[in-house]
Amino acid sequence: MDMRLELVPLRSTDIDRSRAFYVEQVGFGLDHDVEPGNGMRIVQLTPPGSACSVVLGVGGPEAAPVAGLHLVVDDVHAACAELRERGVDVTDVEDMGGVRYARFSDPDGNSWALQQLG
C-alpha cells in the first residue's frame, strides 16, 4: 500500500499576507486560490521541486502553528542567500555533523528548516 504525504495544512490568520510571503518571498508556486462558498477560501502552494503542497488557513487563528517542517535543499548556503535577498529572516547555517540546517518562520509562526544532507 502506498502512502503519500501530499498536503500539509498551515495556520494563517491573514491569507493574503501568508500567500504573499510564500509566493513572493519563499518562492512557492501558487496552485489554487479559490472560494468554493460559505466563506471558505482554499489557497494551496507548492515548494519548487516538491510533490507535497501546503494549504493555508486551516483551523483559523485559534489553531497552533506547525513546527519543524523541512525543505530539503542541495545547497543550504545558496538557499539562505536567496531567501534573504527576498526579505526572509533566515538563521545562520548550523552544521550538525554533516547535516546542515537553517531555519525561518512565516508571519504566523509556522516554522521551517532548510536541510542539506551530506
PDB file of N, CA and C in Angstrom:
ATOM      1  N   MET A   1       0.837  -1.174   0.000  1.00  0.00           N
ATOM      2  CA  MET A   1       0.000   0.000   0.000  1.00  0.00           C
ATOM      3  C   MET A   1       0.887   1.243   0.000  1.00  0.00           C
ATOM      4  N   ASP A   2       0.654   2.131  -0.958  1.00  0.00           N
ATOM      5  CA  ASP A   2       1.359   3.411  -0.997  1.00  0.00           C
ATOM      6  C   ASP A   2       0.704   4.386  -0.027  1.00  0.00           C
ATOM      7  N   MET A   3       1.528   5.209   0.587  1.00  0.00           N
ATOM      8  CA  MET A   3       1.028   6.312   1.419  1.00  0.00           C
ATOM      9  C   MET A   3       1.867   7.520   1.063  1.00  0.00           C
ATOM     10  N   ARG A   4       1.247   8.518   0.482  1.00  0.00           N
ATOM     11  CA  ARG A   4       1.967   9.693   0.027  1.00  0.00           C
ATOM     12  C   ARG A   4       1.518  10.912   0.823  1.00  0.00           C
ATOM     13  N   LEU A   5       2.475  11.613   1.365  1.00  0.00           N
ATOM     14  CA  LEU A   5       2.164  12.890   2.001  1.00  0.00           C
ATOM     15  C   LEU A   5       2.115  13.920   0.881  1.00  0.00           C
ATOM     16  N   GLU A   6       0.938  14.493   0.655  1.00  0.00           N
ATOM     17  CA  GLU A   6       0.778  15.409  -0.469  1.00  0.00           C
ATOM     18  C   GLU A   6       0.272  16.789  -0.073  1.00  0.00           C
ATOM     19  N   LEU A   7      -0.259  16.945   1.143  1.00  0.00           N
ATOM     20  CA  LEU A   7      -0.806  18.241   1.540  1.00  0.00           C
ATOM     21  C   LEU A   7      -0.662  18.428   3.045  1.00  0.00           C
ATOM     22  N   VAL A   8      -0.067  19.557   3.441  1.00  0.00           N
ATOM     23  CA  VAL A   8       0.124  19.884   4.855  1.00  0.00           C
ATOM     24  C   VAL A   8      -0.649  21.171   5.144  1.00  0.00           C
ATOM     25  N   PRO A   9      -1.568  21.140   6.098  1.00  0.00           N
ATOM     26  CA  PRO A   9      -2.309  22.349   6.457  1.00  0.00           C
ATOM     27  C   PRO A   9      -1.464  23.269   7.344  1.00  0.00           C
ATOM     28  N   LEU A  10      -1.518  24.559   7.056  1.00  0.00           N
ATOM     29  CA  LEU A  10      -0.793  25.560   7.834  1.00  0.00           C
ATOM     30  C   LEU A  10      -1.754  26.603   8.377  1.00  0.00           C
ATOM     31  N   ARG A  11      -1.509  27.007   9.592  1.00  0.00           N
ATOM     32  CA  ARG A  11      -2.274  28.084  10.218  1.00  0.00           C
ATOM     33  C   ARG A  11      -1.969  29.392   9.505  1.00  0.00           C
ATOM     34  N   SER A  12      -2.998  30.172   9.273  1.00  0.00           N
ATOM     35  CA  SER A  12      -2.828  31.519   8.732  1.00  0.00           C
ATOM     36  C   SER A  12      -3.928  32.402   9.281  1.00  0.00           C
ATOM     37  N   THR A  13      -3.530  33.520   9.888  1.00  0.00           N
ATOM     38  CA  THR A  13      -4.512  34.475  10.395  1.00  0.00           C
ATOM     39  C   THR A  13      -4.825  35.546   9.359  1.00  0.00           C
ATOM     40  N   ASP A  14      -4.042  35.603   8.283  1.00  0.00           N
ATOM     41  CA  ASP A  14      -4.257  36.558   7.197  1.00  0.00           C
ATOM     42  C   ASP A  14      -3.815  35.875   5.904  1.00  0.00           C
ATOM     43  N   ILE A  15      -4.778  35.326   5.180  1.00  0.00           N
ATOM     44  CA  ILE A  15      -4.477  34.534   3.981  1.00  0.00           C
ATOM     45  C   ILE A  15      -3.689  35.339   2.953  1.00  0.00           C
ATOM     46  N   ASP A  16      -4.063  36.586   2.723  1.00  0.00           N
ATOM     47  CA  ASP A  16      -3.355  37.389   1.723  1.00  0.00           C
ATOM     48  C   ASP A  16      -1.896  37.610   2.118  1.00  0.00           C
ATOM     49  N   ARG A  17      -1.661  37.905   3.387  1.00  0.00           N
ATOM     50  CA  ARG A  17      -0.288  38.098   3.870  1.00  0.00           C
ATOM     51  C   ARG A  17       0.511  36.798   3.737  1.00  0.00           C
ATOM     52  N   SER A  18      -0.082  35.687   4.132  1.00  0.00           N
ATOM     53  CA  SER A  18       0.600  34.394   4.031  1.00  0.00           C
ATOM     54  C   SER A  18       0.886  34.027   2.584  1.00  0.00           C
ATOM     55  N   ARG A  19      -0.089  34.228   1.733  1.00  0.00           N
ATOM     56  CA  ARG A  19       0.109  33.931   0.306  1.00  0.00           C
ATOM     57  C   ARG A  19       1.267  34.748  -0.251  1.00  0.00           C
ATOM     58  N   ALA A  20       1.302  36.035   0.042  1.00  0.00           N
ATOM     59  CA  ALA A  20       2.393  36.893  -0.432  1.00  0.00           C
ATOM     60  C   ALA A  20       3.741  36.413   0.105  1.00  0.00           C
ATOM     61  N   PHE A  21       3.800  36.041   1.385  1.00  0.00           N
ATOM     62  CA  PHE A  21       5.047  35.569   1.968  1.00  0.00           C
ATOM     63  C   PHE A  21       5.556  34.338   1.233  1.00  0.00           C
ATOM     64  N   TYR A  22       4.696  33.345   1.070  1.00  0.00           N
ATOM     65  CA  TYR A  22       5.144  32.097   0.456  1.00  0.00           C
ATOM     66  C   TYR A  22       5.429  32.227  -1.039  1.00  0.00           C
ATOM     67  N   VAL A  23       4.634  33.001  -1.755  1.00  0.00           N
ATOM     68  CA  VAL A  23       4.844  33.131  -3.202  1.00  0.00           C
ATOM     69  C   VAL A  23       5.967  34.114  -3.511  1.00  0.00           C
ATOM     70  N   GLU A  24       5.910  35.313  -2.948  1.00  0.00           N
ATOM     71  CA  GLU A  24       6.849  36.370  -3.313  1.00  0.00           C
ATOM     72  C   GLU A  24       8.190  36.262  -2.599  1.00  0.00           C
ATOM     73  N   GLN A  25       8.188  35.796  -1.361  1.00  0.00           N
ATOM     74  CA  GLN A  25       9.436  35.757  -0.606  1.00  0.00           C
ATOM     75  C   GLN A  25      10.089  34.377  -0.593  1.00  0.00           C
ATOM     76  N   VAL A  26       9.303  33.333  -0.367  1.00  0.00           N
ATOM     77  CA  VAL A  26       9.892  31.993  -0.267  1.00  0.00           C
ATOM     78  C   VAL A  26       9.988  31.326  -1.639  1.00  0.00           C
ATOM     79  N   GLY A  27       9.128  31.705  -2.576  1.00  0.00           N
ATOM     80  CA  GLY A  27       9.220  31.170  -3.929  1.00  0.00           C
ATOM     81  C   GLY A  27       8.351  29.962  -4.218  1.00  0.00           C
ATOM     82  N   PHE A  28       7.339  29.708  -3.375  1.00  0.00           N
ATOM     83  CA  PHE A  28       6.417  28.610  -3.633  1.00  0.00           C
ATOM     84  C   PHE A  28       5.545  28.961  -4.841  1.00  0.00           C
ATOM     85  N   GLY A  29       5.117  27.940  -5.569  1.00  0.00           N
ATOM     86  CA  GLY A  29       4.182  28.147  -6.665  1.00  0.00           C
ATOM     87  C   GLY A  29       2.756  28.157  -6.154  1.00  0.00           C
ATOM     88  N   LEU A  30       1.930  28.997  -6.739  1.00  0.00           N
ATOM     89  CA  LEU A  30       0.519  29.070  -6.375  1.00  0.00           C
ATOM     90  C   LEU A  30      -0.248  28.059  -7.223  1.00  0.00           C
ATOM     91  N   ASP A  31      -0.819  27.051  -6.575  1.00  0.00           N
ATOM     92  CA  ASP A  31      -1.589  26.023  -7.271  1.00  0.00           C
ATOM     93  C   ASP A  31      -3.053  26.409  -7.386  1.00  0.00           C
ATOM     94  N   HIS A  32      -3.634  26.867  -6.277  1.00  0.00           N
ATOM     95  CA  HIS A  32      -5.057  27.206  -6.236  1.00  0.00           C
ATOM     96  C   HIS A  32      -5.282  28.370  -5.282  1.00  0.00           C
ATOM     97  N   ASP A  33      -6.177  29.248  -5.652  1.00  0.00           N
ATOM     98  CA  ASP A  33      -6.720  30.262  -4.753  1.00  0.00           C
ATOM     99  C   ASP A  33      -8.183  30.394  -5.144  1.00  0.00           C
ATOM    100  N   VAL A  34      -9.015  29.622  -4.472  1.00  0.00           N
ATOM    101  CA  VAL A  34     -10.425  29.550  -4.840  1.00  0.00           C
ATOM    102  C   VAL A  34     -11.306  29.767  -3.610  1.00  0.00           C
ATOM    103  N   GLU A  35     -12.514  30.251  -3.880  1.00  0.00           N
ATOM    104  CA  GLU A  35     -13.525  30.422  -2.839  1.00  0.00           C
ATOM    105  C   GLU A  35     -14.742  29.599  -3.239  1.00  0.00           C
ATOM    106  N   PRO A  36     -14.819  28.346  -2.748  1.00  0.00           N
ATOM    107  CA  PRO A  36     -15.908  27.464  -3.161  1.00  0.00           C
ATOM    108  C   PRO A  36     -17.273  27.800  -2.547  1.00  0.00           C
ATOM    109  N   GLY A  37     -17.312  28.728  -1.606  1.00  0.00           N
ATOM    110  CA  GLY A  37     -18.584  29.123  -0.998  1.00  0.00           C
ATOM    111  C   GLY A  37     -18.537  29.042   0.515  1.00  0.00           C
ATOM    112  N   ASN A  38     -19.589  29.505   1.144  1.00  0.00           N
ATOM    113  CA  ASN A  38     -19.717  29.500   2.610  1.00  0.00           C
ATOM    114  C   ASN A  38     -18.568  30.220   3.301  1.00  0.00           C
ATOM    115  N   GLY A  39     -17.964  31.218   2.649  1.00  0.00           N
ATOM    116  CA  GLY A  39     -16.874  31.979   3.240  1.00  0.00           C
ATOM    117  C   GLY A  39     -15.548  31.242   3.268  1.00  0.00           C
ATOM    118  N   MET A  40     -15.497  30.078   2.665  1.00  0.00           N
ATOM    119  CA  MET A  40     -14.274  29.280   2.660  1.00  0.00           C
ATOM    120  C   MET A  40     -13.360  29.722   1.518  1.00  0.00           C
ATOM    121  N   ARG A  41     -12.072  29.742   1.802  1.00  0.00           N
ATOM    122  CA  ARG A  41     -11.069  30.066   0.789  1.00  0.00           C
ATOM    123  C   ARG A  41      -9.967  29.022   0.871  1.00  0.00           C
ATOM    124  N   ILE A  42      -9.596  28.479  -0.260  1.00  0.00           N
ATOM    125  CA  ILE A  42      -8.548  27.465  -0.322  1.00  0.00           C
ATOM    126  C   ILE A  42      -7.382  28.030  -1.116  1.00  0.00           C
ATOM    127  N   VAL A  43      -6.246  28.185  -0.423  1.00  0.00           N
ATOM    128  CA  VAL A  43      -5.014  28.631  -1.071  1.00  0.00           C
ATOM    129  C   VAL A  43      -4.002  27.510  -0.893  1.00  0.00           C
ATOM    130  N   GLN A  44      -3.636  26.901  -2.016  1.00  0.00           N
ATOM    131  CA  GLN A  44      -2.692  25.781  -1.988  1.00  0.00           C
ATOM    132  C   GLN A  44      -1.437  26.186  -2.745  1.00  0.00           C
ATOM    133  N   LEU A  45      -0.286  25.907  -2.125  1.00  0.00           N
ATOM    134  CA  LEU A  45       1.012  26.320  -2.656  1.00  0.00           C
ATOM    135  C   LEU A  45       1.967  25.128  -2.624  1.00  0.00           C
ATOM    136  N   THR A  46       2.924  25.110  -3.558  1.00  0.00           N
ATOM    137  CA  THR A  46       3.885  24.005  -3.599  1.00  0.00           C
ATOM    138  C   THR A  46       5.302  24.550  -3.688  1.00  0.00           C
ATOM    139  N   PRO A  47       6.202  24.059  -2.818  1.00  0.00           N
ATOM    140  CA  PRO A  47       7.610  24.438  -2.930  1.00  0.00           C
ATOM    141  C   PRO A  47       8.178  23.944  -4.266  1.00  0.00           C
ATOM    142  N   PRO A  48       9.106  24.697  -4.866  1.00  0.00           N
ATOM    143  CA  PRO A  48       9.691  24.256  -6.135  1.00  0.00           C
ATOM    144  C   PRO A  48      10.344  22.881  -5.989  1.00  0.00           C
ATOM    145  N   GLY A  49      10.009  21.971  -6.890  1.00  0.00           N
ATOM    146  CA  GLY A  49      10.600  20.637  -6.885  1.00  0.00           C
ATOM    147  C   GLY A  49       9.940  19.654  -5.941  1.00  0.00           C
ATOM    148  N   SER A  50       8.885  20.061  -5.258  1.00  0.00           N
ATOM    149  CA  SER A  50       8.251  19.199  -4.253  1.00  0.00           C
ATOM    150  C   SER A  50       6.992  18.530  -4.796  1.00  0.00           C
ATOM    151  N   ALA A  51       6.706  17.342  -4.286  1.00  0.00           N
ATOM    152  CA  ALA A  51       5.446  16.660  -4.580  1.00  0.00           C
ATOM    153  C   ALA A  51       4.420  16.922  -3.489  1.00  0.00           C
ATOM    154  N   CYS A  52       4.813  17.627  -2.439  1.00  0.00           N
ATOM    155  CA  CYS A  52       3.927  17.926  -1.317  1.00  0.00           C
ATOM    156  C   CYS A  52       3.630  19.424  -1.296  1.00  0.00           C
ATOM    157  N   SER A  53       2.371  19.751  -1.094  1.00  0.00           N
ATOM    158  CA  SER A  53       1.927  21.146  -1.055  1.00  0.00           C
ATOM    159  C   SER A  53       1.506  21.525   0.356  1.00  0.00           C
ATOM    160  N   VAL A  54       1.247  22.814   0.546  1.00  0.00           N
ATOM    161  CA  VAL A  54       0.661  23.319   1.787  1.00  0.00           C
ATOM    162  C   VAL A  54      -0.651  24.003   1.442  1.00  0.00           C
ATOM    163  N   VAL A  55      -1.573  24.000   2.390  1.00  0.00           N
ATOM    164  CA  VAL A  55      -2.821  24.729   2.242  1.00  0.00           C
ATOM    165  C   VAL A  55      -2.919  25.697   3.414  1.00  0.00           C
ATOM    166  N   LEU A  56      -3.286  26.933   3.138  1.00  0.00           N
ATOM    167  CA  LEU A  56      -3.299  27.993   4.147  1.00  0.00           C
ATOM    168  C   LEU A  56      -4.661  28.155   4.795  1.00  0.00           C
ATOM    169  N   GLY A  57      -4.631  28.518   6.058  1.00  0.00           N
ATOM    170  CA  GLY A  57      -5.829  28.944   6.754  1.00  0.00           C
ATOM    171  C   GLY A  57      -6.569  27.886   7.508  1.00  0.00           C
ATOM    172  N   VAL A  58      -6.098  26.671   7.475  1.00  0.00           N
ATOM    173  CA  VAL A  58      -6.812  25.574   8.120  1.00  0.00           C
ATOM    174  C   VAL A  58      -6.799  25.758   9.628  1.00  0.00           C
ATOM    175  N   GLY A  59      -7.964  25.698  10.234  1.00  0.00           N
ATOM    176  CA  GLY A  59      -8.062  25.794  11.687  1.00  0.00           C
ATOM    177  C   GLY A  59      -8.277  27.202  12.199  1.00  0.00           C
ATOM    178  N   GLY A  60      -8.009  28.201  11.385  1.00  0.00           N
ATOM    179  CA  GLY A  60      -8.228  29.570  11.800  1.00  0.00           C
ATOM    180  C   GLY A  60      -7.206  30.057  12.814  1.00  0.00           C
ATOM    181  N   PRO A  61      -7.420  31.262  13.343  1.00  0.00           N
ATOM    182  CA  PRO A  61      -6.445  31.876  14.240  1.00  0.00           C
ATOM    183  C   PRO A  61      -6.216  31.131  15.543  1.00  0.00           C
ATOM    184  N   GLU A  62      -7.182  30.310  15.973  1.00  0.00           N
ATOM    185  CA  GLU A  62      -7.006  29.586  17.234  1.00  0.00           C
ATOM    186  C   GLU A  62      -6.132  28.349  17.081  1.00  0.00           C
ATOM    187  N   ALA A  63      -5.847  27.935  15.860  1.00  0.00           N
ATOM    188  CA  ALA A  63      -5.016  26.753  15.622  1.00  0.00           C
ATOM    189  C   ALA A  63      -3.563  27.045  15.993  1.00  0.00           C
ATOM    190  N   ALA A  64      -2.856  26.016  16.406  1.00  0.00           N
ATOM    191  CA  ALA A  64      -1.439  26.162  16.755  1.00  0.00           C
ATOM    192  C   ALA A  64      -0.596  26.188  15.494  1.00  0.00           C
ATOM    193  N   PRO A  65       0.497  26.958  15.495  1.00  0.00           N
ATOM    194  CA  PRO A  65       1.409  26.937  14.354  1.00  0.00           C
ATOM    195  C   PRO A  65       2.019  25.537  14.184  1.00  0.00           C
ATOM    196  N   VAL A  66       2.352  25.218  12.966  1.00  0.00           N
ATOM    197  CA  VAL A  66       3.031  23.962  12.659  1.00  0.00           C
ATOM    198  C   VAL A  66       4.529  24.189  12.843  1.00  0.00           C
ATOM    199  N   ALA A  67       5.200  23.255  13.496  1.00  0.00           N
ATOM    200  CA  ALA A  67       6.623  23.419  13.792  1.00  0.00           C
ATOM    201  C   ALA A  67       7.460  22.355  13.093  1.00  0.00           C
ATOM    202  N   GLY A  68       8.626  22.776  12.620  1.00  0.00           N
ATOM    203  CA  GLY A  68       9.638  21.838  12.165  1.00  0.00           C
ATOM    204  C   GLY A  68       9.454  21.255  10.785  1.00  0.00           C
ATOM    205  N   LEU A  69       8.735  21.929   9.917  1.00  0.00           N
ATOM    206  CA  LEU A  69       8.635  21.453   8.539  1.00  0.00           C
ATOM    207  C   LEU A  69      10.004  21.567   7.884  1.00  0.00           C
ATOM    208  N   HIS A  70      10.365  20.593   7.068  1.00  0.00           N
ATOM    209  CA  HIS A  70      11.687  20.578   6.434  1.00  0.00           C
ATOM    210  C   HIS A  70      11.583  20.779   4.930  1.00  0.00           C
ATOM    211  N   LEU A  71      12.423  21.655   4.423  1.00  0.00           N
ATOM    212  CA  LEU A  71      12.625  21.811   2.987  1.00  0.00           C
ATOM    213  C   LEU A  71      14.045  21.332   2.702  1.00  0.00           C
ATOM    214  N   VAL A  72      14.187  20.238   1.977  1.00  0.00           N
ATOM    215  CA  VAL A  72      15.498  19.676   1.683  1.00  0.00           C
ATOM    216  C   VAL A  72      16.053  20.379   0.450  1.00  0.00           C
ATOM    217  N   VAL A  73      17.271  20.894   0.589  1.00  0.00           N
ATOM    218  CA  VAL A  73      17.920  21.655  -0.482  1.00  0.00           C
ATOM    219  C   VAL A  73      19.303  21.064  -0.779  1.00  0.00           C
ATOM    220  N   ASP A  74      19.796  21.327  -1.977  1.00  0.00           N
ATOM    221  CA  ASP A  74      21.128  20.848  -2.343  1.00  0.00           C
ATOM    222  C   ASP A  74      22.232  21.696  -1.725  1.00  0.00           C
ATOM    223  N   ASP A  75      21.974  22.998  -1.573  1.00  0.00           N
ATOM    224  CA  ASP A  75      22.981  23.926  -1.049  1.00  0.00           C
ATOM    225  C   ASP A  75      22.302  24.890  -0.088  1.00  0.00           C
ATOM    226  N   VAL A  76      22.432  24.631   1.198  1.00  0.00           N
ATOM    227  CA  VAL A  76      21.732  25.431   2.202  1.00  0.00           C
ATOM    228  C   VAL A  76      22.238  26.875   2.224  1.00  0.00           C
ATOM    229  N   HIS A  77      23.509  27.081   1.953  1.00  0.00           N
ATOM    230  CA  HIS A  77      24.032  28.456   1.935  1.00  0.00           C
ATOM    231  C   HIS A  77      23.416  29.258   0.791  1.00  0.00           C
ATOM    232  N   ALA A  78      23.313  28.645  -0.383  1.00  0.00           N
ATOM    233  CA  ALA A  78      22.696  29.325  -1.526  1.00  0.00           C
ATOM    234  C   ALA A  78      21.213  29.585  -1.266  1.00  0.00           C
ATOM    235  N   ALA A  79      20.524  28.613  -0.664  1.00  0.00           N
ATOM    236  CA  ALA A  79      19.105  28.782  -0.348  1.00  0.00           C
ATOM    237  C   ALA A  79      18.908  29.927   0.646  1.00  0.00           C
ATOM    238  N   CYS A  80      19.774  30.001   1.652  1.00  0.00           N
ATOM    239  CA  CYS A  80      19.690  31.089   2.633  1.00  0.00           C
ATOM    240  C   CYS A  80      19.898  32.439   1.963  1.00  0.00           C
ATOM    241  N   ALA A  81      20.894  32.513   1.104  1.00  0.00           N
ATOM    242  CA  ALA A  81      21.191  33.775   0.424  1.00  0.00           C
ATOM    243  C   ALA A  81      19.999  34.223  -0.428  1.00  0.00           C
ATOM    244  N   GLU A  82      19.399  33.291  -1.141  1.00  0.00           N
ATOM    245  CA  GLU A  82      18.248  33.622  -1.985  1.00  0.00           C
ATOM    246  C   GLU A  82      17.066  34.096  -1.149  1.00  0.00           C
ATOM    247  N   LEU A  83      16.795  33.398  -0.053  1.00  0.00           N
ATOM    248  CA  LEU A  83      15.683  33.808   0.803  1.00  0.00           C
ATOM    249  C   LEU A  83      15.949  35.168   1.446  1.00  0.00           C
ATOM    250  N   ARG A  84      17.168  35.401   1.881  1.00  0.00           N
ATOM    251  CA  ARG A  84      17.497  36.704   2.483  1.00  0.00           C
ATOM    252  C   ARG A  84      17.331  37.829   1.474  1.00  0.00           C
ATOM    253  N   GLU A  85      17.703  37.582   0.207  1.00  0.00           N
ATOM    254  CA  GLU A  85      17.518  38.594  -0.835  1.00  0.00           C
ATOM    255  C   GLU A  85      16.044  38.952  -1.001  1.00  0.00           C
ATOM    256  N   ARG A  86      15.166  38.008  -0.706  1.00  0.00           N
ATOM    257  CA  ARG A  86      13.724  38.227  -0.826  1.00  0.00           C
ATOM    258  C   ARG A  86      13.108  38.725   0.481  1.00  0.00           C
ATOM    259  N   GLY A  87      13.939  38.979   1.498  1.00  0.00           N
ATOM    260  CA  GLY A  87      13.448  39.553   2.739  1.00  0.00           C
ATOM    261  C   GLY A  87      13.036  38.566   3.816  1.00  0.00           C
ATOM    262  N   VAL A  88      13.397  37.291   3.657  1.00  0.00           N
ATOM    263  CA  VAL A  88      13.067  36.288   4.670  1.00  0.00           C
ATOM    264  C   VAL A  88      14.167  36.290   5.736  1.00  0.00           C
ATOM    265  N   ASP A  89      13.781  36.297   6.993  1.00  0.00           N
ATOM    266  CA  ASP A  89      14.720  36.261   8.113  1.00  0.00           C
ATOM    267  C   ASP A  89      15.112  34.809   8.374  1.00  0.00           C
ATOM    268  N   VAL A  90      16.286  34.424   7.874  1.00  0.00           N
ATOM    269  CA  VAL A  90      16.776  33.052   7.992  1.00  0.00           C
ATOM    270  C   VAL A  90      17.942  33.035   8.977  1.00  0.00           C
ATOM    271  N   THR A  91      17.997  32.003   9.812  1.00  0.00           N
ATOM    272  CA  THR A  91      19.104  31.878  10.760  1.00  0.00           C
ATOM    273  C   THR A  91      20.399  31.553  10.013  1.00  0.00           C
ATOM    274  N   ASP A  92      21.502  31.652  10.732  1.00  0.00           N
ATOM    275  CA  ASP A  92      22.772  31.186  10.190  1.00  0.00           C
ATOM    276  C   ASP A  92      22.715  29.674  10.051  1.00  0.00           C
ATOM    277  N   VAL A  93      23.555  29.141   9.179  1.00  0.00           N
ATOM    278  CA  VAL A  93      23.608  27.701   8.947  1.00  0.00           C
ATOM    279  C   VAL A  93      24.299  27.015  10.120  1.00  0.00           C
ATOM    280  N   GLU A  94      23.698  25.915  10.588  1.00  0.00           N
ATOM    281  CA  GLU A  94      24.288  25.085  11.632  1.00  0.00           C
ATOM    282  C   GLU A  94      24.696  23.756  11.009  1.00  0.00           C
ATOM    283  N   ASP A  95      25.912  23.310  11.300  1.00  0.00           N
ATOM    284  CA  ASP A  95      26.362  22.003  10.837  1.00  0.00           C
ATOM    285  C   ASP A  95      26.207  21.026  11.991  1.00  0.00           C
ATOM    286  N   MET A  96      25.351  20.050  11.805  1.00  0.00           N
ATOM    287  CA  MET A  96      25.060  19.070  12.854  1.00  0.00           C
ATOM    288  C   MET A  96      25.759  17.749  12.541  1.00  0.00           C
ATOM    289  N   GLY A  97      27.035  17.812  12.187  1.00  0.00           N
ATOM    290  CA  GLY A  97      27.784  16.604  11.890  1.00  0.00           C
ATOM    291  C   GLY A  97      27.520  16.062  10.503  1.00  0.00           C
ATOM    292  N   GLY A  98      27.540  16.942   9.523  1.00  0.00           N
ATOM    293  CA  GLY A  98      27.329  16.520   8.145  1.00  0.00           C
ATOM    294  C   GLY A  98      25.951  16.850   7.606  1.00  0.00           C
ATOM    295  N   VAL A  99      25.020  17.162   8.467  1.00  0.00           N
ATOM    296  CA  VAL A  99      23.705  17.636   8.046  1.00  0.00           C
ATOM    297  C   VAL A  99      23.626  19.101   8.441  1.00  0.00           C
ATOM    298  N   ARG A 100      23.319  19.940   7.479  1.00  0.00           N
ATOM    299  CA  ARG A 100      23.292  21.383   7.730  1.00  0.00           C
ATOM    300  C   ARG A 100      21.849  21.891   7.755  1.00  0.00           C
ATOM    301  N   TYR A 101      21.603  22.814   8.673  1.00  0.00           N
ATOM    302  CA  TYR A 101      20.269  23.377   8.839  1.00  0.00           C
ATOM    303  C   TYR A 101      20.332  24.900   8.923  1.00  0.00           C
ATOM    304  N   ALA A 102      19.274  25.526   8.420  1.00  0.00           N
ATOM    305  CA  ALA A 102      18.979  26.931   8.678  1.00  0.00           C
ATOM    306  C   ALA A 102      17.468  26.998   8.857  1.00  0.00           C
ATOM    307  N   ARG A 103      17.003  27.962   9.620  1.00  0.00           N
ATOM    308  CA  ARG A 103      15.586  27.989   9.959  1.00  0.00           C
ATOM    309  C   ARG A 103      14.956  29.361   9.693  1.00  0.00           C
ATOM    310  N   PHE A 104      13.658  29.334   9.422  1.00  0.00           N
ATOM    311  CA  PHE A 104      12.876  30.562   9.299  1.00  0.00           C
ATOM    312  C   PHE A 104      11.435  30.249   9.678  1.00  0.00           C
ATOM    313  N   SER A 105      10.677  31.303   9.937  1.00  0.00           N
ATOM    314  CA  SER A 105       9.254  31.165  10.261  1.00  0.00           C
ATOM    315  C   SER A 105       8.449  32.098   9.385  1.00  0.00           C
ATOM    316  N   ASP A 106       7.188  31.730   9.177  1.00  0.00           N
ATOM    317  CA  ASP A 106       6.296  32.609   8.424  1.00  0.00           C
ATOM    318  C   ASP A 106       5.655  33.611   9.387  1.00  0.00           C
ATOM    319  N   PRO A 107       4.855  34.550   8.884  1.00  0.00           N
ATOM    320  CA  PRO A 107       4.259  35.567   9.759  1.00  0.00           C
ATOM    321  C   PRO A 107       3.336  35.013  10.854  1.00  0.00           C
ATOM    322  N   ASP A 108       2.874  33.760  10.723  1.00  0.00           N
ATOM    323  CA  ASP A 108       2.009  33.158  11.734  1.00  0.00           C
ATOM    324  C   ASP A 108       2.738  32.214  12.673  1.00  0.00           C
ATOM    325  N   GLY A 109       4.057  32.142  12.567  1.00  0.00           N
ATOM    326  CA  GLY A 109       4.828  31.303  13.470  1.00  0.00           C
ATOM    327  C   GLY A 109       5.006  29.862  13.040  1.00  0.00           C
ATOM    328  N   ASN A 110       4.518  29.499  11.839  1.00  0.00           N
ATOM    329  CA  ASN A 110       4.813  28.170  11.306  1.00  0.00           C
ATOM    330  C   ASN A 110       6.303  28.142  11.017  1.00  0.00           C
ATOM    331  N   SER A 111       7.002  27.125  11.522  1.00  0.00           N
ATOM    332  CA  SER A 111       8.461  27.141  11.407  1.00  0.00           C
ATOM    333  C   SER A 111       8.963  26.099  10.408  1.00  0.00           C
ATOM    334  N   TRP A 112      10.018  26.488   9.712  1.00  0.00           N
ATOM    335  CA  TRP A 112      10.617  25.701   8.643  1.00  0.00           C
ATOM    336  C   TRP A 112      12.103  25.523   8.894  1.00  0.00           C
ATOM    337  N   ALA A 113      12.620  24.384   8.440  1.00  0.00           N
ATOM    338  CA  ALA A 113      14.065  24.149   8.445  1.00  0.00           C
ATOM    339  C   ALA A 113      14.494  23.873   7.014  1.00  0.00           C
ATOM    340  N   LEU A 114      15.539  24.545   6.586  1.00  0.00           N
ATOM    341  CA  LEU A 114      16.211  24.185   5.343  1.00  0.00           C
ATOM    342  C   LEU A 114      17.225  23.132   5.729  1.00  0.00           C
ATOM    343  N   GLN A 115      17.212  22.013   5.056  1.00  0.00           N
ATOM    344  CA  GLN A 115      18.102  20.900   5.407  1.00  0.00           C
ATOM    345  C   GLN A 115      18.933  20.498   4.198  1.00  0.00           C
ATOM    346  N   GLN A 116      20.248  20.417   4.415  1.00  0.00           N
ATOM    347  CA  GLN A 116      21.158  19.905   3.394  1.00  0.00           C
ATOM    348  C   GLN A 116      21.818  18.647   3.946  1.00  0.00           C
ATOM    349  N   LEU A 117      21.621  17.549   3.262  1.00  0.00           N
ATOM    350  CA  LEU A 117      22.210  16.277   3.663  1.00  0.00           C
ATOM    351  C   LEU A 117      23.578  16.131   3.007  1.00  0.00           C
ATOM    352  N   GLY A 118      24.529  15.634   3.794  1.00  0.00           N
ATOM    353  CA  GLY A 118      25.857  15.356   3.234  1.00  0.00           C
ATOM    354  C   GLY A 118      26.747  16.536   3.073  1.00  0.00           C
TER     355      GLY A 118
END
